[in-house]
Amino acid sequence: MQSRRDDLISLFYLLQFFMNGSLWWYNEVQHEQNLRGVIGQLKIKMKAHEMCRGKAKNLIPFGEEVMSYKFQEMPNYAKLKHLLVCVLL
């Protein structure tokens, strides 16, 4: 079952890809057999500030916010919008 939190985390990954041209786990798992399992474990272990490399460093506040939400928690969309506007500026 998916939640709003999952959609926002997916947006966080998508924005990282657009800003850097690749995702942070790409180089770490290129030769792994169980790619999906390894990426899943990396996502669970890593924090937003560890994921945001290169040009995506200004996404850290957005990533920390979306990753702090509980599964059923209602996101603060006004705050998230503000964080994304700050990234664009």
C-alpha atoms as a PDB file:
ATOM      1  CA  MET A   1       0.000   0.000   0.000  1.00  0.00           C
ATOM      2  CA  GLN A   2       1.307   3.437  -0.988  1.00  0.00           C
ATOM      3  CA  SER A   3       0.904   6.677   0.939  1.00  0.00           C
ATOM      4  CA  ARG A   4       1.320  10.392   0.288  1.00  0.00           C
ATOM      5  CA  ARG A   5       4.717  10.082   1.963  1.00  0.00           C
ATOM      6  CA  ASP A   6       5.830   7.530  -0.655  1.00  0.00           C
ATOM      7  CA  ASP A   7       4.769   9.840  -3.484  1.00  0.00           C
ATOM      8  CA  LEU A   8       6.744  12.722  -1.969  1.00  0.00           C
ATOM      9  CA  ILE A   9       9.845  10.567  -1.504  1.00  0.00           C
ATOM     10  CA  SER A  10       9.543   9.523  -5.160  1.00  0.00           C
ATOM     11  CA  LEU A  11       9.401  13.204  -6.084  1.00  0.00           C
ATOM     12  CA  PHE A  12      12.548  13.754  -3.993  1.00  0.00           C
ATOM     13  CA  TYR A  13      14.380  11.045  -5.993  1.00  0.00           C
ATOM     14  CA  LEU A  14      13.084  12.426  -9.283  1.00  0.00           C
ATOM     15  CA  LEU A  15      14.308  15.938  -8.452  1.00  0.00           C
ATOM     16  CA  GLN A  16      17.727  14.523  -7.511  1.00  0.00           C
ATOM     17  CA  PHE A  17      17.876  12.828 -10.898  1.00  0.00           C
ATOM     18  CA  PHE A  18      16.939  16.027 -12.753  1.00  0.00           C
ATOM     19  CA  MET A  19      19.500  18.093 -10.843  1.00  0.00           C
ATOM     20  CA  ASN A  20      22.439  15.650 -11.053  1.00  0.00           C
ATOM     21  CA  GLY A  21      21.692  13.606 -14.164  1.00  0.00           C
ATOM     22  CA  SER A  22      21.792  10.342 -12.176  1.00  0.00           C
ATOM     23  CA  LEU A  23      20.659   8.899  -8.877  1.00  0.00           C
ATOM     24  CA  TRP A  24      22.976   8.562  -5.887  1.00  0.00           C
ATOM     25  CA  TRP A  25      22.822   4.768  -5.772  1.00  0.00           C
ATOM     26  CA  TYR A  26      23.709   4.166  -9.439  1.00  0.00           C
ATOM     27  CA  ASN A  27      27.483   3.806  -8.979  1.00  0.00           C
ATOM     28  CA  GLU A  28      27.118   1.756  -5.802  1.00  0.00           C
ATOM     29  CA  VAL A  29      24.978  -1.020  -7.309  1.00  0.00           C
ATOM     30  CA  GLN A  30      26.012  -1.331 -10.955  1.00  0.00           C
ATOM     31  CA  HIS A  31      27.297  -4.899 -10.629  1.00  0.00           C
ATOM     32  CA  GLU A  32      24.839  -6.285  -8.071  1.00  0.00           C
ATOM     33  CA  GLN A  33      22.696  -9.308  -8.921  1.00  0.00           C
ATOM     34  CA  ASN A  34      19.786  -8.430  -6.598  1.00  0.00           C
ATOM     35  CA  LEU A  35      19.531  -4.814  -7.708  1.00  0.00           C
ATOM     36  CA  ARG A  36      16.077  -4.116  -6.273  1.00  0.00           C
ATOM     37  CA  GLY A  37      16.960  -5.526  -2.839  1.00  0.00           C
ATOM     38  CA  VAL A  38      20.259  -3.660  -2.618  1.00  0.00           C
ATOM     39  CA  ILE A  39      18.700  -0.330  -3.617  1.00  0.00           C
ATOM     40  CA  GLY A  40      15.888  -0.870  -1.112  1.00  0.00           C
ATOM     41  CA  GLN A  41      18.380  -1.463   1.701  1.00  0.00           C
ATOM     42  CA  LEU A  42      20.394   1.631   0.717  1.00  0.00           C
ATOM     43  CA  LYS A  43      17.236   3.769   0.734  1.00  0.00           C
ATOM     44  CA  ILE A  44      16.319   2.547   4.223  1.00  0.00           C
ATOM     45  CA  LYS A  45      19.791   3.191   5.678  1.00  0.00           C
ATOM     46  CA  MET A  46      20.672   6.555   4.135  1.00  0.00           C
ATOM     47  CA  LYS A  47      19.582   9.973   5.330  1.00  0.00           C
ATOM     48  CA  ALA A  48      18.615  12.858   3.049  1.00  0.00           C
ATOM     49  CA  HIS A  49      21.913  14.700   3.591  1.00  0.00           C
ATOM     50  CA  GLU A  50      23.816  11.560   2.502  1.00  0.00           C
ATOM     51  CA  MET A  51      21.683  11.135  -0.622  1.00  0.00           C
ATOM     52  CA  CYS A  52      21.966  14.697  -1.901  1.00  0.00           C
ATOM     53  CA  ARG A  53      25.218  14.957  -3.777  1.00  0.00           C
ATOM     54  CA  GLY A  54      26.434  17.447  -6.337  1.00  0.00           C
ATOM     55  CA  LYS A  55      23.900  20.039  -7.436  1.00  0.00           C
ATOM     56  CA  ALA A  56      21.117  18.374  -5.425  1.00  0.00           C
ATOM     57  CA  LYS A  57      22.509  19.564  -2.061  1.00  0.00           C
ATOM     58  CA  ASN A  58      19.845  22.274  -1.848  1.00  0.00           C
ATOM     59  CA  LEU A  59      17.225  19.486  -1.782  1.00  0.00           C
ATOM     60  CA  ILE A  60      18.347  18.377   1.691  1.00  0.00           C
ATOM     61  CA  PRO A  61      15.652  20.315   3.634  1.00  0.00           C
ATOM     62  CA  PHE A  62      12.915  18.975   1.333  1.00  0.00           C
ATOM     63  CA  GLY A  63      14.262  15.417   1.623  1.00  0.00           C
ATOM     64  CA  GLU A  64      14.546  15.590   5.397  1.00  0.00           C
ATOM     65  CA  GLU A  65      10.980  16.876   5.645  1.00  0.00           C
ATOM     66  CA  VAL A  66       9.385  14.206   3.444  1.00  0.00           C
ATOM     67  CA  MET A  67      11.410  11.406   5.031  1.00  0.00           C
ATOM     68  CA  SER A  68      10.325  12.487   8.512  1.00  0.00           C
ATOM     69  CA  TYR A  69       6.628  11.873   7.816  1.00  0.00           C
ATOM     70  CA  LYS A  70       4.936   8.792   9.208  1.00  0.00           C
ATOM     71  CA  PHE A  71       3.104   6.474   6.790  1.00  0.00           C
ATOM     72  CA  GLN A  72      -0.391   7.894   7.383  1.00  0.00           C
ATOM     73  CA  GLU A  73       0.673  11.446   8.322  1.00  0.00           C
ATOM     74  CA  MET A  74      -0.800  14.352   6.364  1.00  0.00           C
ATOM     75  CA  PRO A  75       2.066  16.310   4.740  1.00  0.00           C
ATOM     76  CA  ASN A  76       2.437  20.027   5.329  1.00  0.00           C
ATOM     77  CA  TYR A  77       2.076  20.993   1.674  1.00  0.00           C
ATOM     78  CA  ALA A  78       2.578  24.719   2.315  1.00  0.00           C
ATOM     79  CA  LYS A  79       5.961  24.014   3.932  1.00  0.00           C
ATOM     80  CA  LEU A  80       6.957  21.597   1.163  1.00  0.00           C
ATOM     81  CA  LYS A  81       6.027  24.132  -1.483  1.00  0.00           C
ATOM     82  CA  HIS A  82       8.129  26.765   0.300  1.00  0.00           C
ATOM     83  CA  LEU A  83      11.114  24.380   0.462  1.00  0.00           C
ATOM     84  CA  LEU A  84      10.851  23.670  -3.277  1.00  0.00           C
ATOM     85  CA  VAL A  85      10.591  27.376  -4.114  1.00  0.00           C
ATOM     86  CA  CYS A  86      13.792  27.923  -2.097  1.00  0.00           C
ATOM     87  CA  VAL A  87      15.516  25.223  -4.174  1.00  0.00           C
ATOM     88  CA  LEU A  88      14.486  26.974  -7.394  1.00  0.00           C
ATOM     89  CA  LEU A  89      15.732  30.344  -6.220  1.00  0.00           C
END
